[in-house]
């Protein structure tokens, strides 16, 4: 009798789930495959390498370069305080721009790419001295 009760409860739960799923489907509706919202090339607008940084020098590259826009890299410590700000040149965006981090103590930082003072992307950076 106990096994019969378990089977009955399990079947009832399974049927409830199937009915709930079926009510969300529209019968006869056509489906369309949708691609990603953005091209794959824009998936990582900010690149920081090497990571972890040893020797105090890192390269910053970004692929959001648009003419006439002001780009800035904001480096914040783990509690969110800005410890460094670097103006970036859009003409060296893809090739990368060398950033000197030798004056910062070792730790975890966040690099935020700002375009016209709006955050475009943020990456975590580990600095080892």
N, C-alpha and C. Protein backbone atom coordinates (compact mmCIF):
# COMPACT_ATOMS: atom_id res chain seq x y z
N UNK A 1 0.82 -1.19 0.00
CA UNK A 1 0.00 0.00 0.00
C UNK A 1 0.86 1.26 0.00
N UNK A 2 1.99 1.21 0.72
CA UNK A 2 2.87 2.36 0.80
C UNK A 2 3.47 2.70 -0.57
N UNK A 3 3.88 1.70 -1.30
CA UNK A 3 4.47 1.91 -2.63
C UNK A 3 3.43 2.49 -3.57
N UNK A 4 2.22 1.98 -3.49
CA UNK A 4 1.14 2.50 -4.32
C UNK A 4 0.92 3.99 -4.06
N UNK A 5 0.98 4.41 -2.81
CA UNK A 5 0.80 5.83 -2.46
C UNK A 5 1.92 6.67 -3.05
N UNK A 6 3.17 6.21 -2.96
CA UNK A 6 4.29 6.94 -3.54
C UNK A 6 4.15 7.09 -5.05
N UNK A 7 3.76 6.00 -5.71
CA UNK A 7 3.58 6.05 -7.16
C UNK A 7 2.46 7.00 -7.53
N UNK A 8 1.38 6.98 -6.79
CA UNK A 8 0.25 7.87 -7.05
C UNK A 8 0.64 9.34 -6.87
N UNK A 9 1.35 9.65 -5.80
CA UNK A 9 1.79 11.04 -5.55
C UNK A 9 2.78 11.49 -6.62
N UNK A 10 3.72 10.62 -6.97
CA UNK A 10 4.70 10.96 -8.00
C UNK A 10 4.01 11.22 -9.34
N UNK A 11 3.07 10.38 -9.71
CA UNK A 11 2.33 10.56 -10.97
C UNK A 11 1.54 11.86 -10.96
N UNK A 12 0.92 12.18 -9.84
CA UNK A 12 0.15 13.42 -9.74
C UNK A 12 1.06 14.64 -9.89
N UNK A 13 2.22 14.60 -9.25
CA UNK A 13 3.17 15.72 -9.37
C UNK A 13 3.68 15.86 -10.79
N UNK A 14 3.97 14.73 -11.42
CA UNK A 14 4.46 14.75 -12.79
C UNK A 14 3.41 15.32 -13.74
N UNK A 15 2.17 14.89 -13.60
CA UNK A 15 1.09 15.41 -14.44
C UNK A 15 0.85 16.90 -14.20
N UNK A 16 0.96 17.33 -12.96
CA UNK A 16 0.79 18.76 -12.65
C UNK A 16 1.86 19.58 -13.36
N UNK A 17 3.10 19.10 -13.34
CA UNK A 17 4.19 19.80 -14.01
C UNK A 17 3.98 19.83 -15.52
N UNK A 18 3.52 18.72 -16.10
CA UNK A 18 3.28 18.67 -17.54
C UNK A 18 2.16 19.63 -17.95
N UNK A 19 1.11 19.69 -17.17
CA UNK A 19 0.00 20.60 -17.47
C UNK A 19 0.46 22.05 -17.36
N UNK A 20 1.26 22.35 -16.33
CA UNK A 20 1.76 23.72 -16.16
C UNK A 20 2.65 24.12 -17.33
N UNK A 21 3.47 23.20 -17.81
CA UNK A 21 4.34 23.48 -18.95
C UNK A 21 3.53 23.65 -20.22
N UNK A 22 2.53 22.81 -20.41
CA UNK A 22 1.72 22.86 -21.63
C UNK A 22 0.90 24.14 -21.71
N UNK A 23 0.51 24.71 -20.58
CA UNK A 23 -0.29 25.94 -20.62
C UNK A 23 0.53 27.13 -21.09
N UNK A 24 1.85 27.04 -20.98
CA UNK A 24 2.71 28.15 -21.43
C UNK A 24 3.04 28.06 -22.92
N UNK A 25 2.68 26.95 -23.55
CA UNK A 25 2.95 26.78 -24.97
C UNK A 25 1.76 27.24 -25.79
N UNK A 26 2.04 27.86 -26.91
CA UNK A 26 0.97 28.21 -27.83
C UNK A 26 0.99 27.18 -28.95
N UNK A 27 -0.07 26.42 -29.05
CA UNK A 27 -0.13 25.40 -30.08
C UNK A 27 -0.25 26.05 -31.45
N UNK A 28 0.51 25.55 -32.40
CA UNK A 28 0.46 26.07 -33.75
C UNK A 28 1.32 27.31 -33.97
N UNK A 29 1.99 27.79 -32.95
CA UNK A 29 2.83 28.98 -33.11
C UNK A 29 4.12 28.59 -33.81
N UNK A 30 4.60 29.49 -34.64
CA UNK A 30 5.87 29.24 -35.33
C UNK A 30 7.01 29.78 -34.47
N UNK A 31 8.07 29.03 -34.42
CA UNK A 31 9.22 29.50 -33.66
C UNK A 31 10.30 29.96 -34.62
N UNK A 32 11.04 30.95 -34.16
CA UNK A 32 12.16 31.48 -34.93
C UNK A 32 13.41 31.38 -34.09
N UNK A 33 14.46 30.91 -34.70
CA UNK A 33 15.74 30.89 -33.99
C UNK A 33 16.26 32.31 -33.91
N UNK A 34 16.67 32.70 -32.73
CA UNK A 34 17.22 34.04 -32.56
C UNK A 34 18.70 33.94 -32.26
N UNK A 35 19.47 34.80 -32.90
CA UNK A 35 20.90 34.84 -32.66
C UNK A 35 21.20 35.69 -31.44
N UNK A 36 22.46 35.86 -31.14
CA UNK A 36 22.83 36.71 -30.02
C UNK A 36 22.43 38.16 -30.28
N UNK A 37 22.22 38.90 -29.20
CA UNK A 37 21.80 40.29 -29.32
C UNK A 37 22.89 41.17 -29.91
N UNK A 38 24.15 40.86 -29.62
CA UNK A 38 25.27 41.63 -30.14
C UNK A 38 26.20 40.69 -30.90
N UNK A 39 26.96 41.22 -31.83
CA UNK A 39 27.94 40.37 -32.51
C UNK A 39 28.95 39.82 -31.51
N UNK A 40 29.52 38.68 -31.83
CA UNK A 40 30.48 38.04 -30.94
C UNK A 40 31.70 38.92 -30.71
N UNK A 41 32.07 39.73 -31.70
CA UNK A 41 33.24 40.60 -31.55
C UNK A 41 33.04 41.59 -30.42
N UNK A 42 31.82 41.97 -30.11
CA UNK A 42 31.56 42.93 -29.04
C UNK A 42 31.32 42.24 -27.70
N UNK A 43 31.53 40.94 -27.63
CA UNK A 43 31.27 40.22 -26.40
C UNK A 43 32.19 40.67 -25.27
N UNK A 44 33.42 41.04 -25.58
CA UNK A 44 34.37 41.50 -24.57
C UNK A 44 34.91 42.86 -24.97
N UNK A 45 34.20 43.94 -24.63
CA UNK A 45 34.65 45.26 -25.07
C UNK A 45 35.92 45.74 -24.39
N UNK A 46 36.33 45.11 -23.29
CA UNK A 46 37.53 45.53 -22.57
C UNK A 46 38.39 44.31 -22.30
N UNK A 47 39.68 44.43 -22.61
CA UNK A 47 40.64 43.36 -22.35
C UNK A 47 41.79 43.93 -21.55
N UNK A 48 42.15 43.25 -20.47
CA UNK A 48 43.27 43.64 -19.63
C UNK A 48 44.21 42.44 -19.56
N UNK A 49 45.47 42.64 -19.97
CA UNK A 49 46.41 41.53 -19.93
C UNK A 49 47.81 42.05 -19.67
N UNK A 50 48.70 41.27 -19.09
CA UNK A 50 48.45 39.95 -18.50
C UNK A 50 47.65 40.11 -17.21
N UNK A 51 46.95 39.08 -16.86
CA UNK A 51 46.19 39.09 -15.62
C UNK A 51 46.38 37.74 -14.96
N UNK A 52 47.09 37.65 -13.86
CA UNK A 52 47.53 38.71 -12.97
C UNK A 52 48.72 39.49 -13.52
N UNK A 53 48.78 40.75 -13.11
CA UNK A 53 49.85 41.66 -13.54
C UNK A 53 51.05 41.46 -12.62
N UNK A 54 52.19 41.19 -13.22
CA UNK A 54 53.46 41.12 -12.48
C UNK A 54 54.40 42.12 -13.13
N UNK A 55 55.10 42.88 -12.33
CA UNK A 55 56.04 43.85 -12.88
C UNK A 55 55.44 45.23 -13.05
N UNK A 56 54.18 45.40 -12.73
CA UNK A 56 53.58 46.72 -12.71
C UNK A 56 53.10 47.28 -14.03
N UNK A 57 53.14 46.51 -15.11
CA UNK A 57 52.70 47.02 -16.41
C UNK A 57 51.61 46.10 -16.98
N UNK A 58 50.53 46.73 -17.43
CA UNK A 58 49.43 45.98 -18.05
C UNK A 58 49.06 46.66 -19.36
N UNK A 59 48.49 45.90 -20.25
CA UNK A 59 48.01 46.44 -21.52
C UNK A 59 46.49 46.45 -21.48
N UNK A 60 45.93 47.60 -21.87
CA UNK A 60 44.49 47.78 -21.91
C UNK A 60 44.08 47.91 -23.37
N UNK A 61 43.18 47.06 -23.81
CA UNK A 61 42.65 47.14 -25.17
C UNK A 61 41.13 47.14 -25.10
N UNK A 62 40.51 47.86 -26.01
CA UNK A 62 39.04 47.88 -26.04
C UNK A 62 38.58 48.00 -27.47
N UNK A 63 37.40 47.46 -27.76
CA UNK A 63 36.89 47.47 -29.13
C UNK A 63 35.63 48.31 -29.27
N UNK A 64 35.46 49.26 -28.38
CA UNK A 64 34.29 50.15 -28.43
C UNK A 64 34.66 51.51 -29.00
N UNK A 65 35.73 51.59 -29.75
CA UNK A 65 36.23 52.88 -30.23
C UNK A 65 35.28 53.53 -31.23
N UNK A 66 34.84 54.74 -30.87
CA UNK A 66 33.98 55.53 -31.75
C UNK A 66 34.59 56.92 -31.87
N UNK A 67 34.65 57.46 -33.07
CA UNK A 67 35.26 58.78 -33.24
C UNK A 67 34.51 59.86 -32.47
N UNK A 68 35.27 60.77 -31.89
CA UNK A 68 34.67 61.90 -31.18
C UNK A 68 34.25 61.60 -29.76
N UNK A 69 34.52 60.40 -29.27
CA UNK A 69 34.14 60.02 -27.91
C UNK A 69 35.37 60.10 -27.00
N UNK A 70 35.15 60.46 -25.75
CA UNK A 70 36.23 60.53 -24.76
C UNK A 70 36.25 59.22 -23.97
N UNK A 71 37.41 58.56 -23.94
CA UNK A 71 37.56 57.29 -23.24
C UNK A 71 38.47 57.46 -22.04
N UNK A 72 38.08 56.81 -20.95
CA UNK A 72 38.86 56.88 -19.72
C UNK A 72 38.82 55.52 -19.05
N UNK A 73 39.94 55.13 -18.45
CA UNK A 73 40.01 53.90 -17.68
C UNK A 73 40.02 54.29 -16.20
N UNK A 74 39.05 53.80 -15.46
CA UNK A 74 38.98 54.05 -14.02
C UNK A 74 39.38 52.77 -13.31
N UNK A 75 40.41 52.87 -12.47
CA UNK A 75 40.87 51.72 -11.70
C UNK A 75 40.44 51.95 -10.25
N UNK A 76 39.66 51.00 -9.73
CA UNK A 76 39.13 51.11 -8.37
C UNK A 76 39.63 49.94 -7.54
N UNK A 77 39.80 50.19 -6.24
CA UNK A 77 40.22 49.11 -5.36
C UNK A 77 39.01 48.25 -4.99
N UNK A 78 39.23 47.29 -4.13
CA UNK A 78 38.19 46.31 -3.82
C UNK A 78 36.98 46.93 -3.14
N UNK A 79 37.14 48.08 -2.48
CA UNK A 79 36.00 48.72 -1.82
C UNK A 79 35.35 49.78 -2.70
N UNK A 80 35.84 49.92 -3.93
CA UNK A 80 35.19 50.81 -4.88
C UNK A 80 35.76 52.21 -4.98
N UNK A 81 36.83 52.51 -4.23
CA UNK A 81 37.44 53.83 -4.30
C UNK A 81 38.35 53.91 -5.53
N UNK A 82 38.22 54.99 -6.28
CA UNK A 82 39.05 55.18 -7.47
C UNK A 82 40.48 55.47 -7.04
N UNK A 83 41.42 54.66 -7.53
CA UNK A 83 42.82 54.84 -7.18
C UNK A 83 43.66 55.34 -8.34
N UNK A 84 43.13 55.24 -9.55
CA UNK A 84 43.86 55.71 -10.72
C UNK A 84 42.87 55.99 -11.83
N UNK A 85 43.16 57.00 -12.62
CA UNK A 85 42.35 57.34 -13.78
C UNK A 85 43.29 57.62 -14.94
N UNK A 86 43.04 56.99 -16.07
CA UNK A 86 43.92 57.12 -17.23
C UNK A 86 43.07 57.46 -18.45
N UNK A 87 43.45 58.53 -19.15
CA UNK A 87 42.79 58.86 -20.41
C UNK A 87 43.28 57.89 -21.48
N UNK A 88 42.38 57.32 -22.23
CA UNK A 88 42.74 56.37 -23.28
C UNK A 88 42.57 57.02 -24.64
N UNK A 89 43.47 56.65 -25.54
CA UNK A 89 43.40 57.17 -26.91
C UNK A 89 42.63 56.18 -27.78
N UNK A 90 41.64 56.67 -28.49
CA UNK A 90 40.82 55.77 -29.31
C UNK A 90 41.60 55.17 -30.47
N UNK A 91 42.68 55.83 -30.91
CA UNK A 91 43.45 55.29 -32.03
C UNK A 91 44.28 54.07 -31.62
N UNK A 92 44.53 53.87 -30.33
CA UNK A 92 45.25 52.68 -29.88
C UNK A 92 44.33 51.68 -29.19
N UNK A 93 43.05 51.80 -29.43
CA UNK A 93 42.06 50.98 -28.72
C UNK A 93 42.26 49.49 -28.96
N UNK A 94 42.33 49.08 -30.21
CA UNK A 94 42.40 47.66 -30.53
C UNK A 94 43.79 47.10 -30.26
N UNK A 95 44.85 47.86 -30.59
CA UNK A 95 46.21 47.38 -30.37
C UNK A 95 46.56 47.32 -28.89
N UNK A 96 45.99 48.22 -28.11
CA UNK A 96 46.24 48.23 -26.67
C UNK A 96 47.14 49.39 -26.27
N UNK A 97 46.96 49.82 -25.05
CA UNK A 97 47.73 50.92 -24.49
C UNK A 97 48.36 50.42 -23.19
N UNK A 98 49.67 50.65 -23.04
CA UNK A 98 50.39 50.21 -21.86
C UNK A 98 50.09 51.13 -20.68
N UNK A 99 49.75 50.55 -19.54
CA UNK A 99 49.40 51.29 -18.34
C UNK A 99 50.39 50.91 -17.24
N UNK A 100 50.96 51.92 -16.56
CA UNK A 100 51.90 51.69 -15.47
C UNK A 100 51.13 51.59 -14.16
N UNK A 101 51.23 50.44 -13.51
CA UNK A 101 50.56 50.20 -12.24
C UNK A 101 51.55 49.94 -11.12
N UNK A 102 52.83 50.29 -11.33
CA UNK A 102 53.88 49.95 -10.37
C UNK A 102 53.73 50.67 -9.04
N UNK A 103 53.03 51.79 -8.99
CA UNK A 103 52.87 52.53 -7.73
C UNK A 103 51.72 52.00 -6.88
N UNK A 104 50.93 51.11 -7.41
CA UNK A 104 49.80 50.55 -6.65
C UNK A 104 50.24 49.32 -5.87
N UNK A 105 49.73 49.14 -4.66
CA UNK A 105 50.05 47.92 -3.92
C UNK A 105 49.36 46.71 -4.53
N UNK A 106 49.91 45.54 -4.27
CA UNK A 106 49.31 44.31 -4.79
C UNK A 106 47.91 44.11 -4.24
N UNK A 107 47.06 43.51 -5.04
CA UNK A 107 45.69 43.27 -4.61
C UNK A 107 44.76 43.10 -5.79
N UNK A 108 43.47 43.15 -5.51
CA UNK A 108 42.45 43.01 -6.55
C UNK A 108 41.88 44.39 -6.85
N UNK A 109 41.78 44.69 -8.13
CA UNK A 109 41.27 45.98 -8.59
C UNK A 109 40.21 45.73 -9.66
N UNK A 110 39.43 46.76 -9.91
CA UNK A 110 38.43 46.72 -10.98
C UNK A 110 38.75 47.81 -11.98
N UNK A 111 38.88 47.43 -13.25
CA UNK A 111 39.15 48.37 -14.34
C UNK A 111 37.84 48.61 -15.07
N UNK A 112 37.41 49.86 -15.09
CA UNK A 112 36.16 50.21 -15.78
C UNK A 112 36.47 51.09 -16.96
N UNK A 113 35.96 50.72 -18.12
CA UNK A 113 36.09 51.53 -19.32
C UNK A 113 34.91 52.48 -19.37
N UNK A 114 35.21 53.78 -19.42
CA UNK A 114 34.17 54.79 -19.49
C UNK A 114 34.22 55.48 -20.84
N UNK A 115 33.07 55.62 -21.47
CA UNK A 115 32.94 56.36 -22.72
C UNK A 115 32.02 57.53 -22.43
N UNK A 116 32.55 58.74 -22.54
CA UNK A 116 31.81 59.96 -22.18
C UNK A 116 31.23 59.83 -20.77
N UNK A 117 32.06 59.35 -19.84
CA UNK A 117 31.74 59.20 -18.42
C UNK A 117 30.62 58.19 -18.14
N UNK A 118 30.32 57.31 -19.08
CA UNK A 118 29.37 56.23 -18.88
C UNK A 118 30.14 54.90 -18.91
N UNK A 119 29.92 54.04 -17.94
CA UNK A 119 30.63 52.77 -17.86
C UNK A 119 30.18 51.85 -19.00
N UNK A 120 31.14 51.41 -19.79
CA UNK A 120 30.88 50.49 -20.91
C UNK A 120 31.15 49.05 -20.49
N UNK A 121 32.25 48.85 -19.74
CA UNK A 121 32.63 47.50 -19.32
C UNK A 121 33.51 47.59 -18.09
N UNK A 122 33.51 46.51 -17.31
CA UNK A 122 34.36 46.43 -16.12
C UNK A 122 35.00 45.05 -16.08
N UNK A 123 36.29 45.03 -15.79
CA UNK A 123 37.04 43.77 -15.65
C UNK A 123 37.77 43.76 -14.32
N UNK A 124 37.92 42.57 -13.77
CA UNK A 124 38.68 42.40 -12.53
C UNK A 124 40.15 42.23 -12.89
N UNK A 125 41.02 42.84 -12.09
CA UNK A 125 42.46 42.80 -12.33
C UNK A 125 43.15 42.42 -11.03
N UNK A 126 44.06 41.47 -11.10
CA UNK A 126 44.85 41.08 -9.94
C UNK A 126 46.26 41.60 -10.15
N UNK A 127 46.75 42.36 -9.18
CA UNK A 127 48.08 42.96 -9.26
C UNK A 127 48.98 42.28 -8.24
N UNK A 128 50.06 41.69 -8.72
CA UNK A 128 51.03 41.02 -7.85
C UNK A 128 52.34 41.76 -7.92
N UNK A 129 52.84 42.17 -6.75
CA UNK A 129 54.13 42.88 -6.71
C UNK A 129 55.22 41.98 -6.18
